[in-house]
Amino acid sequence: MYTLTYEEVQNHLGKTLDTVMTKPVTITSQGRQPVVMVPATEQILRAIRSFYFEQHRQKVRQSKREPITEEELQKITEEELQKIANESQG
């Protein structure tokens, strides 16, 4: 596994992303728990879709709207997942 500091990642993001495509990268920062960057595989994307699908279902139950179907969920693109993730955090 390859290890970089947070500052190194900030200064060399493009190189870091290239490295992540071939091996996991551990990112360290003073006083914080290290994190690991790995490429998004289809299995990870399925897990993310499932997580947000469940969040959607819970919101639907609260608002009494029609939920999306599993088929609709599979059509969600990576860009849409990122948008959903950003909206749920903000």
N, C-alpha and C. Protein backbone atom coordinates (compact mmCIF):
# COMPACT_ATOMS: atom_id res chain seq x y z
N MET A 1 0.85 -1.18 0.00
CA MET A 1 0.00 0.00 0.00
C MET A 1 0.90 1.24 0.00
N TYR A 2 0.47 2.25 -0.70
CA TYR A 2 1.20 3.49 -0.87
C TYR A 2 0.65 4.50 0.14
N THR A 3 1.54 5.25 0.82
CA THR A 3 1.10 6.21 1.83
C THR A 3 1.54 7.62 1.46
N LEU A 4 0.61 8.57 1.56
CA LEU A 4 0.88 9.98 1.30
C LEU A 4 0.30 10.81 2.43
N THR A 5 0.86 11.99 2.63
CA THR A 5 0.26 12.92 3.58
C THR A 5 -0.86 13.68 2.89
N TYR A 6 -1.73 14.27 3.68
CA TYR A 6 -2.83 15.08 3.14
C TYR A 6 -2.28 16.19 2.25
N GLU A 7 -1.20 16.82 2.69
CA GLU A 7 -0.59 17.91 1.92
C GLU A 7 -0.07 17.40 0.56
N GLU A 8 0.54 16.23 0.54
CA GLU A 8 1.02 15.66 -0.72
C GLU A 8 -0.15 15.40 -1.68
N VAL A 9 -1.25 14.91 -1.14
CA VAL A 9 -2.43 14.66 -1.98
C VAL A 9 -2.95 15.98 -2.55
N GLN A 10 -3.03 17.01 -1.73
CA GLN A 10 -3.50 18.32 -2.19
C GLN A 10 -2.61 18.85 -3.31
N ASN A 11 -1.31 18.69 -3.15
CA ASN A 11 -0.36 19.24 -4.12
C ASN A 11 -0.23 18.40 -5.40
N HIS A 12 -0.61 17.12 -5.32
CA HIS A 12 -0.42 16.21 -6.46
C HIS A 12 -1.65 15.33 -6.65
N LEU A 13 -2.83 15.94 -6.72
CA LEU A 13 -4.07 15.17 -6.80
C LEU A 13 -4.11 14.29 -8.04
N GLY A 14 -3.73 14.82 -9.19
CA GLY A 14 -3.76 14.03 -10.43
C GLY A 14 -2.91 12.78 -10.33
N LYS A 15 -1.69 12.93 -9.83
CA LYS A 15 -0.79 11.78 -9.65
C LYS A 15 -1.36 10.79 -8.64
N THR A 16 -1.96 11.33 -7.58
CA THR A 16 -2.57 10.46 -6.58
C THR A 16 -3.69 9.62 -7.18
N LEU A 17 -4.55 10.25 -7.99
CA LEU A 17 -5.65 9.52 -8.62
C LEU A 17 -5.13 8.46 -9.57
N ASP A 18 -4.06 8.77 -10.30
CA ASP A 18 -3.46 7.77 -11.18
C ASP A 18 -2.94 6.58 -10.37
N THR A 19 -2.32 6.85 -9.23
CA THR A 19 -1.80 5.79 -8.38
C THR A 19 -2.92 4.93 -7.82
N VAL A 20 -4.02 5.57 -7.43
CA VAL A 20 -5.15 4.84 -6.85
C VAL A 20 -5.70 3.82 -7.84
N MET A 21 -5.58 4.08 -9.12
CA MET A 21 -6.09 3.14 -10.12
C MET A 21 -5.30 1.84 -10.13
N THR A 22 -4.09 1.84 -9.57
CA THR A 22 -3.26 0.63 -9.58
C THR A 22 -3.08 0.01 -8.20
N LYS A 23 -3.21 0.82 -7.15
CA LYS A 23 -3.05 0.29 -5.78
C LYS A 23 -3.70 1.24 -4.79
N PRO A 24 -4.12 0.72 -3.65
CA PRO A 24 -4.72 1.59 -2.63
C PRO A 24 -3.71 2.62 -2.12
N VAL A 25 -4.21 3.79 -1.76
CA VAL A 25 -3.37 4.86 -1.23
C VAL A 25 -3.90 5.24 0.15
N THR A 26 -3.03 5.17 1.16
CA THR A 26 -3.38 5.61 2.51
C THR A 26 -3.01 7.08 2.62
N ILE A 27 -3.94 7.88 3.14
CA ILE A 27 -3.70 9.31 3.32
C ILE A 27 -3.67 9.59 4.82
N THR A 28 -2.57 10.20 5.26
CA THR A 28 -2.41 10.52 6.67
C THR A 28 -2.47 12.02 6.87
N SER A 29 -2.95 12.42 8.05
CA SER A 29 -3.00 13.83 8.42
C SER A 29 -2.81 13.90 9.92
N GLN A 30 -2.05 14.87 10.36
CA GLN A 30 -1.76 14.98 11.79
C GLN A 30 -3.02 15.03 12.62
N GLY A 31 -3.10 14.17 13.61
CA GLY A 31 -4.21 14.18 14.54
C GLY A 31 -5.51 13.58 14.02
N ARG A 32 -5.49 13.03 12.82
CA ARG A 32 -6.71 12.44 12.26
C ARG A 32 -6.48 10.98 11.92
N GLN A 33 -7.56 10.25 11.86
CA GLN A 33 -7.51 8.85 11.47
C GLN A 33 -7.13 8.75 9.98
N PRO A 34 -6.19 7.87 9.61
CA PRO A 34 -5.84 7.72 8.20
C PRO A 34 -7.04 7.22 7.39
N VAL A 35 -7.08 7.59 6.12
CA VAL A 35 -8.11 7.11 5.21
C VAL A 35 -7.43 6.42 4.04
N VAL A 36 -8.18 5.56 3.36
CA VAL A 36 -7.64 4.83 2.22
C VAL A 36 -8.47 5.15 0.99
N MET A 37 -7.81 5.47 -0.11
CA MET A 37 -8.48 5.69 -1.39
C MET A 37 -8.31 4.43 -2.24
N VAL A 38 -9.41 3.96 -2.80
CA VAL A 38 -9.37 2.81 -3.70
C VAL A 38 -10.24 3.14 -4.91
N PRO A 39 -9.98 2.49 -6.07
CA PRO A 39 -10.83 2.76 -7.23
C PRO A 39 -12.25 2.27 -6.97
N ALA A 40 -13.22 2.97 -7.53
CA ALA A 40 -14.63 2.58 -7.37
C ALA A 40 -14.93 1.40 -8.29
N THR A 41 -15.10 0.24 -7.70
CA THR A 41 -15.45 -0.93 -8.48
C THR A 41 -16.97 -1.04 -8.57
N GLU A 42 -17.42 -1.91 -9.42
CA GLU A 42 -18.87 -2.09 -9.57
C GLU A 42 -19.50 -2.53 -8.25
N GLN A 43 -18.80 -3.35 -7.48
CA GLN A 43 -19.32 -3.81 -6.19
C GLN A 43 -19.50 -2.64 -5.23
N ILE A 44 -18.53 -1.73 -5.20
CA ILE A 44 -18.64 -0.56 -4.34
C ILE A 44 -19.79 0.33 -4.80
N LEU A 45 -19.90 0.52 -6.13
CA LEU A 45 -20.99 1.35 -6.65
C LEU A 45 -22.35 0.74 -6.31
N ARG A 46 -22.47 -0.59 -6.37
CA ARG A 46 -23.73 -1.24 -5.99
C ARG A 46 -24.04 -0.97 -4.52
N ALA A 47 -23.02 -1.03 -3.67
CA ALA A 47 -23.23 -0.78 -2.24
C ALA A 47 -23.68 0.66 -2.01
N ILE A 48 -23.07 1.60 -2.73
CA ILE A 48 -23.46 3.00 -2.60
C ILE A 48 -24.89 3.19 -3.08
N ARG A 49 -25.23 2.59 -4.22
CA ARG A 49 -26.60 2.69 -4.72
C ARG A 49 -27.60 2.14 -3.70
N SER A 50 -27.27 1.00 -3.11
CA SER A 50 -28.17 0.39 -2.12
C SER A 50 -28.35 1.30 -0.91
N PHE A 51 -27.26 1.90 -0.46
CA PHE A 51 -27.32 2.80 0.69
C PHE A 51 -28.26 3.97 0.39
N TYR A 52 -28.08 4.63 -0.76
CA TYR A 52 -28.92 5.78 -1.08
C TYR A 52 -30.34 5.36 -1.44
N PHE A 53 -30.50 4.16 -1.97
CA PHE A 53 -31.84 3.66 -2.23
C PHE A 53 -32.60 3.52 -0.91
N GLU A 54 -31.95 2.98 0.10
CA GLU A 54 -32.59 2.83 1.40
C GLU A 54 -32.90 4.19 2.02
N GLN A 55 -32.00 5.15 1.87
CA GLN A 55 -32.28 6.50 2.37
C GLN A 55 -33.49 7.08 1.65
N HIS A 56 -33.55 6.87 0.34
CA HIS A 56 -34.68 7.35 -0.45
C HIS A 56 -35.98 6.72 0.03
N ARG A 57 -35.96 5.41 0.26
CA ARG A 57 -37.17 4.72 0.72
C ARG A 57 -37.66 5.28 2.05
N GLN A 58 -36.73 5.57 2.95
CA GLN A 58 -37.12 6.13 4.24
C GLN A 58 -37.74 7.52 4.08
N LYS A 59 -37.17 8.34 3.21
CA LYS A 59 -37.74 9.67 2.96
C LYS A 59 -39.12 9.56 2.34
N VAL A 60 -39.28 8.59 1.43
CA VAL A 60 -40.57 8.39 0.76
C VAL A 60 -41.63 7.99 1.78
N ARG A 61 -41.26 7.10 2.70
CA ARG A 61 -42.22 6.68 3.74
C ARG A 61 -42.68 7.89 4.55
N GLN A 62 -41.75 8.79 4.82
CA GLN A 62 -42.10 9.97 5.62
C GLN A 62 -42.95 10.95 4.82
N SER A 63 -42.73 11.04 3.52
CA SER A 63 -43.45 12.03 2.72
C SER A 63 -44.64 11.44 1.96
N LYS A 64 -44.75 10.10 1.98
CA LYS A 64 -45.84 9.39 1.31
C LYS A 64 -45.80 9.55 -0.22
N ARG A 65 -44.59 9.71 -0.78
CA ARG A 65 -44.42 9.73 -2.24
C ARG A 65 -44.19 8.31 -2.74
N GLU A 66 -44.22 8.14 -4.06
CA GLU A 66 -43.95 6.84 -4.66
C GLU A 66 -42.45 6.58 -4.69
N PRO A 67 -41.99 5.42 -4.21
CA PRO A 67 -40.55 5.12 -4.23
C PRO A 67 -40.07 4.77 -5.64
N ILE A 68 -38.77 4.93 -5.87
CA ILE A 68 -38.22 4.47 -7.14
C ILE A 68 -38.07 2.96 -7.08
N THR A 69 -38.03 2.34 -8.24
CA THR A 69 -37.91 0.88 -8.30
C THR A 69 -36.44 0.48 -8.34
N GLU A 70 -36.17 -0.81 -8.12
CA GLU A 70 -34.81 -1.32 -8.21
C GLU A 70 -34.25 -1.10 -9.62
N GLU A 71 -35.09 -1.25 -10.64
CA GLU A 71 -34.64 -1.04 -12.02
C GLU A 71 -34.21 0.41 -12.24
N GLU A 72 -34.98 1.35 -11.69
CA GLU A 72 -34.62 2.75 -11.81
C GLU A 72 -33.32 3.03 -11.07
N LEU A 73 -33.14 2.37 -9.93
CA LEU A 73 -31.94 2.54 -9.14
C LEU A 73 -30.70 2.14 -9.94
N GLN A 74 -30.78 1.05 -10.68
CA GLN A 74 -29.62 0.56 -11.44
C GLN A 74 -29.23 1.51 -12.57
N LYS A 75 -30.14 2.39 -12.98
CA LYS A 75 -29.86 3.34 -14.05
C LYS A 75 -29.18 4.61 -13.55
N ILE A 76 -29.07 4.75 -12.24
CA ILE A 76 -28.44 5.94 -11.68
C ILE A 76 -26.96 5.93 -12.03
N THR A 77 -26.47 7.02 -12.59
CA THR A 77 -25.06 7.11 -12.99
C THR A 77 -24.19 7.50 -11.81
N GLU A 78 -22.87 7.35 -11.99
CA GLU A 78 -21.93 7.74 -10.95
C GLU A 78 -22.06 9.23 -10.63
N GLU A 79 -22.27 10.05 -11.68
CA GLU A 79 -22.41 11.50 -11.46
C GLU A 79 -23.65 11.80 -10.62
N GLU A 80 -24.74 11.09 -10.91
CA GLU A 80 -25.96 11.30 -10.13
C GLU A 80 -25.77 10.84 -8.69
N LEU A 81 -25.03 9.74 -8.50
CA LEU A 81 -24.75 9.27 -7.13
C LEU A 81 -23.96 10.32 -6.36
N GLN A 82 -22.98 10.93 -7.03
CA GLN A 82 -22.18 11.96 -6.36
C GLN A 82 -23.06 13.15 -6.00
N LYS A 83 -23.97 13.53 -6.89
CA LYS A 83 -24.88 14.65 -6.61
C LYS A 83 -25.77 14.32 -5.42
N ILE A 84 -26.30 13.10 -5.39
CA ILE A 84 -27.16 12.67 -4.28
C ILE A 84 -26.37 12.70 -2.97
N ALA A 85 -25.13 12.20 -3.02
CA ALA A 85 -24.29 12.17 -1.82
C ALA A 85 -24.03 13.59 -1.32
N ASN A 86 -23.72 14.49 -2.24
CA ASN A 86 -23.46 15.88 -1.84
C ASN A 86 -24.70 16.53 -1.25
N GLU A 87 -25.87 16.27 -1.83
CA GLU A 87 -27.11 16.85 -1.32
C GLU A 87 -27.45 16.32 0.07
N SER A 88 -27.17 15.03 0.30
CA SER A 88 -27.53 14.45 1.59
C SER A 88 -26.60 14.92 2.70
N GLN A 89 -25.39 15.35 2.33
CA GLN A 89 -24.44 15.85 3.33
C GLN A 89 -24.69 17.32 3.66
N GLY A 90 -25.25 18.06 2.72
CA GLY A 90 -25.41 19.51 2.91
C GLY A 90 -26.75 19.82 3.34
